[in-house]
Amino acid sequence: MTALARAELTLLRRNRGALVAALFIPLIMPFSVRTAAKEMDLAGAGLTLGTLVLPAAIGFSLLFAVYSALVGVFVVRREELVLKRLRTGELRDTEILTGSASPALLIGLVQCVLLAVGCAVLLNLSAPSAIHLSILGLLLGLLMCSALAAVTASFTKTGESAQVTPLPFTFLSMLGSGMFVPLELLPDRIAAICEALPLTPVITLIRGGWTGDLTTTETITTLVSALAWTAAALGLARKRFQWEPRQ
């Protein structure tokens, strides 16, 4: 697994397009959130600029550095018969996917930590009130996005189409999971729908860990939702993932 992860990291460094998307887009997107926040009544929702931008920045990293990047990795390695050949060796299926995903997960984790520290310093955020919730949300987000990437790769035919198939989930999450617009500012019906999106509980846990305004009931409900989506994504990935090139 270590050798496989090292090989994937080498290939990632050679793929400039994927590297730019993974490293720089999550660093640029928070500035658009900061611009959009000028038109919002954040104080009325009990939020500040920092508690809006920081979870959004982490969400962008999960979507671009982990989810979108891994869709391309899984599809290209499958079409090049790399995954098929690896299955003839000692590694089990879970170990093959974990080794292939390790560089993206490591980059996403480091990037999220750096973004959190940077946002906290630049936006004058106080120390998180419940840091364990933010850490738990981040770890669940990494696991969920990697599993969803495997699911998306299962119906993606080519490496070129891997640049397109992640877009629906990416845009839906950015617009509806509280990254650009907090759910507190949305109409009740729309907010109720957005609460059911996979990445919403992750963003809620990260933000709640910083603000400390989640009640015990809200924490349990959000955690159960995040765990349910993660388990569903892992189950679908295990059942639907394609190891042979798609015809």
Protein backbone atom coordinates (compact mmCIF):
# COMPACT_ATOMS: atom_id res chain seq x y z
CA MET A 1 0.00 0.00 0.00
CA THR A 2 2.86 2.38 0.78
CA ALA A 3 4.48 1.70 -2.60
CA LEU A 4 1.14 2.19 -4.34
CA ALA A 5 0.53 5.48 -2.52
CA ARG A 6 4.05 6.67 -3.41
CA ALA A 7 3.48 5.82 -7.07
CA GLU A 8 0.16 7.70 -7.09
CA LEU A 9 1.82 10.73 -5.53
CA THR A 10 4.49 10.69 -8.26
CA LEU A 11 1.83 10.49 -10.97
CA LEU A 12 -0.10 13.33 -9.35
CA ARG A 13 2.98 15.58 -9.44
CA ARG A 14 3.32 14.90 -13.17
CA ASN A 15 -0.34 15.72 -13.88
CA ARG A 16 -0.23 19.51 -13.74
CA GLY A 17 -3.94 19.98 -14.41
CA ALA A 18 -5.00 17.73 -11.54
CA LEU A 19 -2.33 19.22 -9.28
CA VAL A 20 -3.51 22.80 -9.91
CA ALA A 21 -7.14 21.82 -9.35
CA ALA A 22 -6.31 20.04 -6.11
CA LEU A 23 -3.91 22.59 -4.64
CA PHE A 24 -4.99 26.03 -5.83
CA ILE A 25 -8.76 26.02 -6.48
CA PRO A 26 -9.56 25.39 -2.78
CA LEU A 27 -7.28 28.31 -1.91
CA ILE A 28 -9.01 30.70 -4.33
CA MET A 29 -12.67 29.80 -3.77
CA PRO A 30 -12.90 31.19 -0.18
CA PHE A 31 -12.34 34.70 -1.58
CA SER A 32 -15.58 34.38 -3.56
CA VAL A 33 -17.39 33.36 -0.38
CA ARG A 34 -16.00 36.41 1.39
CA THR A 35 -17.26 38.62 -1.45
CA ALA A 36 -20.71 37.03 -1.39
CA ALA A 37 -20.90 37.40 2.39
CA LYS A 38 -21.06 41.19 2.06
CA GLU A 39 -24.67 40.84 0.88
CA MET A 40 -25.72 38.55 3.75
CA ASP A 41 -27.09 39.25 7.20
CA LEU A 42 -24.64 37.00 9.00
CA ALA A 43 -25.24 38.60 12.38
CA GLY A 44 -28.93 37.75 12.11
CA ALA A 45 -28.01 34.11 11.61
CA GLY A 46 -25.62 34.14 14.56
CA LEU A 47 -22.56 33.86 12.32
CA THR A 48 -19.47 35.88 11.52
CA LEU A 49 -17.41 36.15 8.37
CA GLY A 50 -14.92 33.70 9.82
CA THR A 51 -17.49 31.03 10.74
CA LEU A 52 -18.84 31.24 7.20
CA VAL A 53 -15.56 31.23 5.26
CA LEU A 54 -13.65 28.64 7.31
CA PRO A 55 -16.10 25.71 6.88
CA ALA A 56 -16.56 26.69 3.23
CA ALA A 57 -12.80 26.59 2.65
CA ILE A 58 -12.61 23.10 4.14
CA GLY A 59 -15.58 22.05 2.04
CA PHE A 60 -13.86 23.26 -1.13
CA SER A 61 -10.81 21.21 -0.25
CA LEU A 62 -12.93 18.10 0.28
CA LEU A 63 -14.67 18.60 -3.06
CA PHE A 64 -11.68 19.48 -5.25
CA ALA A 65 -8.59 18.00 -3.59
CA VAL A 66 -10.31 14.74 -2.58
CA TYR A 67 -13.57 14.00 -4.39
CA SER A 68 -12.91 15.37 -7.88
CA ALA A 69 -9.25 14.31 -7.87
CA LEU A 70 -10.06 10.74 -6.85
CA VAL A 71 -12.73 10.32 -9.52
CA GLY A 72 -10.02 10.93 -12.11
CA VAL A 73 -7.55 8.63 -10.35
CA PHE A 74 -9.97 5.71 -10.11
CA VAL A 75 -11.21 6.06 -13.68
CA VAL A 76 -7.81 6.45 -15.33
CA ARG A 77 -6.23 3.58 -13.36
CA ARG A 78 -9.20 1.35 -14.22
CA GLU A 79 -9.09 2.17 -17.95
CA GLU A 80 -5.33 1.57 -18.02
CA LEU A 81 -5.90 -1.88 -16.42
CA VAL A 82 -3.76 -0.90 -13.44
CA LEU A 83 -6.46 -1.83 -10.92
CA LYS A 84 -7.12 -5.13 -12.67
CA ARG A 85 -3.43 -6.10 -12.50
CA LEU A 86 -3.19 -5.09 -8.85
CA ARG A 87 -6.04 -7.46 -7.99
CA THR A 88 -3.86 -10.40 -9.06
CA GLY A 89 -1.35 -9.56 -6.33
CA GLU A 90 -1.43 -9.70 -2.56
CA LEU A 91 -3.46 -6.54 -1.98
CA ARG A 92 -7.17 -6.86 -1.26
CA ASP A 93 -9.69 -4.64 -3.01
CA THR A 94 -10.03 -2.26 -0.06
CA GLU A 95 -6.26 -1.95 0.21
CA ILE A 96 -5.92 -1.16 -3.51
CA LEU A 97 -8.47 1.64 -3.31
CA THR A 98 -7.04 2.95 -0.04
CA GLY A 99 -3.50 3.00 -1.41
CA SER A 100 -4.65 4.76 -4.58
CA ALA A 101 -6.60 7.33 -2.56
CA SER A 102 -3.92 7.98 0.09
CA PRO A 103 -2.11 10.89 -1.64
CA ALA A 104 -5.35 12.79 -2.29
CA LEU A 105 -6.53 12.14 1.27
CA LEU A 106 -3.20 13.32 2.70
CA ILE A 107 -3.22 16.44 0.53
CA GLY A 108 -6.84 17.15 1.51
CA LEU A 109 -6.11 16.69 5.22
CA VAL A 110 -3.03 18.95 5.20
CA GLN A 111 -4.81 21.52 3.07
CA CYS A 112 -7.84 21.59 5.40
CA VAL A 113 -5.62 22.12 8.45
CA LEU A 114 -3.70 24.93 6.75
CA LEU A 115 -6.91 26.58 5.56
CA ALA A 116 -8.41 26.38 9.05
CA VAL A 117 -5.34 27.96 10.62
CA GLY A 118 -5.12 30.61 7.90
CA CYS A 119 -8.80 31.56 8.15
CA ALA A 120 -8.62 31.66 11.93
CA VAL A 121 -5.66 34.05 11.85
CA LEU A 122 -6.73 36.27 8.95
CA LEU A 123 -10.39 36.53 10.01
CA ASN A 124 -9.71 36.93 13.73
CA LEU A 125 -11.57 33.82 14.80
CA SER A 126 -11.47 32.81 18.42
CA ALA A 127 -10.47 29.30 19.46
CA PRO A 128 -13.03 26.60 18.57
CA SER A 129 -15.53 25.85 21.32
CA ALA A 130 -15.85 22.14 20.47
CA ILE A 131 -12.82 21.23 18.37
CA HIS A 132 -13.69 17.50 18.56
CA LEU A 133 -16.79 18.13 16.43
CA SER A 134 -14.75 19.90 13.75
CA ILE A 135 -12.18 17.09 13.71
CA LEU A 136 -14.90 14.46 13.52
CA GLY A 137 -16.64 16.32 10.71
CA LEU A 138 -13.38 16.63 8.76
CA LEU A 139 -12.54 12.93 9.09
CA LEU A 140 -16.04 11.88 8.07
CA GLY A 141 -15.86 14.30 5.15
CA LEU A 142 -12.60 12.77 3.93
CA LEU A 143 -13.99 9.25 4.15
CA MET A 144 -17.33 10.19 2.59
CA CYS A 145 -15.80 12.09 -0.33
CA SER A 146 -13.37 9.28 -1.15
CA ALA A 147 -16.22 6.75 -1.13
CA LEU A 148 -18.43 9.02 -3.26
CA ALA A 149 -15.53 9.38 -5.69
CA ALA A 150 -15.45 5.60 -6.10
CA VAL A 151 -19.22 5.61 -6.69
CA THR A 152 -18.94 8.38 -9.29
CA ALA A 153 -16.06 6.55 -10.99
CA SER A 154 -18.27 3.48 -11.39
CA PHE A 155 -20.42 5.22 -14.01
CA THR A 156 -17.66 7.37 -15.54
CA LYS A 157 -16.41 5.86 -18.79
CA THR A 158 -13.21 7.73 -19.62
CA GLY A 159 -10.60 10.00 -18.12
CA GLU A 160 -11.99 12.89 -20.14
CA SER A 161 -15.52 12.38 -18.79
CA ALA A 162 -14.05 12.21 -15.27
CA GLN A 163 -13.67 15.98 -15.54
CA VAL A 164 -17.44 16.32 -15.99
CA THR A 165 -19.17 13.66 -13.89
CA PRO A 166 -18.06 15.14 -10.51
CA LEU A 167 -19.56 18.54 -11.37
CA PRO A 168 -23.22 17.91 -10.39
CA PHE A 169 -22.35 16.81 -6.85
CA THR A 170 -19.69 19.53 -6.55
CA PHE A 171 -22.02 22.37 -7.54
CA LEU A 172 -24.94 20.98 -5.54
CA SER A 173 -22.78 20.78 -2.44
CA MET A 174 -21.33 24.26 -2.89
CA LEU A 175 -24.77 25.83 -3.30
CA GLY A 176 -26.83 23.72 -0.92
CA SER A 177 -24.61 22.44 1.89
CA GLY A 178 -24.13 25.79 3.64
CA MET A 179 -20.83 26.67 2.02
CA PHE A 180 -21.81 29.75 0.02
CA VAL A 181 -25.11 30.48 1.80
CA PRO A 182 -25.72 29.32 5.39
CA LEU A 183 -28.86 27.23 5.79
CA GLU A 184 -30.06 29.70 8.43
CA LEU A 185 -30.50 32.31 5.70
CA LEU A 186 -32.50 30.06 3.38
CA PRO A 187 -36.31 29.65 3.38
CA ASP A 188 -37.41 26.82 5.67
CA ARG A 189 -38.50 24.46 2.87
CA ILE A 190 -35.30 24.90 0.91
CA ALA A 191 -33.20 24.58 4.06
CA ALA A 192 -34.97 21.31 4.92
CA ILE A 193 -34.06 19.91 1.49
CA CYS A 194 -30.47 21.12 1.76
CA GLU A 195 -30.10 19.45 5.15
CA ALA A 196 -30.53 16.10 3.40
CA LEU A 197 -27.50 16.60 1.14
CA PRO A 198 -24.47 14.38 1.89
CA LEU A 199 -21.98 17.15 2.67
CA THR A 200 -24.35 19.27 4.77
CA PRO A 201 -23.79 17.41 8.09
CA VAL A 202 -20.04 17.59 7.54
CA ILE A 203 -20.10 21.37 7.10
CA THR A 204 -22.52 21.68 10.04
CA LEU A 205 -20.20 19.72 12.33
CA ILE A 206 -17.14 21.74 11.28
CA ARG A 207 -18.97 25.05 11.77
CA GLY A 208 -20.63 23.88 15.00
CA GLY A 209 -17.29 22.83 16.41
CA TRP A 210 -16.05 26.39 15.92
CA THR A 211 -19.15 28.25 17.10
CA GLY A 212 -20.22 25.82 19.81
CA ASP A 213 -23.88 26.57 19.19
CA LEU A 214 -25.03 23.02 18.41
CA THR A 215 -27.27 21.53 21.05
CA THR A 216 -26.87 17.92 22.12
CA THR A 217 -29.88 16.91 20.02
CA GLU A 218 -28.60 18.78 16.98
CA THR A 219 -25.15 17.26 17.39
CA ILE A 220 -26.52 13.72 17.58
CA THR A 221 -28.85 14.28 14.61
CA THR A 222 -26.08 15.77 12.49
CA LEU A 223 -23.62 13.05 13.45
CA VAL A 224 -26.13 10.29 12.64
CA SER A 225 -26.80 11.90 9.26
CA ALA A 226 -23.08 12.13 8.45
CA LEU A 227 -22.47 8.52 9.51
CA ALA A 228 -25.47 7.33 7.49
CA TRP A 229 -24.27 9.07 4.33
CA THR A 230 -20.74 7.76 4.85
CA ALA A 231 -21.95 4.19 5.37
CA ALA A 232 -24.23 4.44 2.32
CA ALA A 233 -21.38 5.77 0.17
CA LEU A 234 -19.03 3.00 1.34
CA GLY A 235 -21.69 0.38 0.68
CA LEU A 236 -22.38 1.68 -2.83
CA ALA A 237 -18.68 1.91 -3.62
CA ARG A 238 -18.13 -1.68 -2.55
CA LYS A 239 -21.10 -2.91 -4.58
CA ARG A 240 -20.86 -0.78 -7.72
CA PHE A 241 -17.18 -0.05 -8.26
CA GLN A 242 -16.00 -1.21 -11.68
CA TRP A 243 -12.62 -2.97 -11.89
CA GLU A 244 -12.81 -3.66 -15.63
CA PRO A 245 -12.67 -0.95 -18.33
CA ARG A 246 -16.17 0.15 -19.30
CA GLN A 247 -17.28 -0.70 -22.81
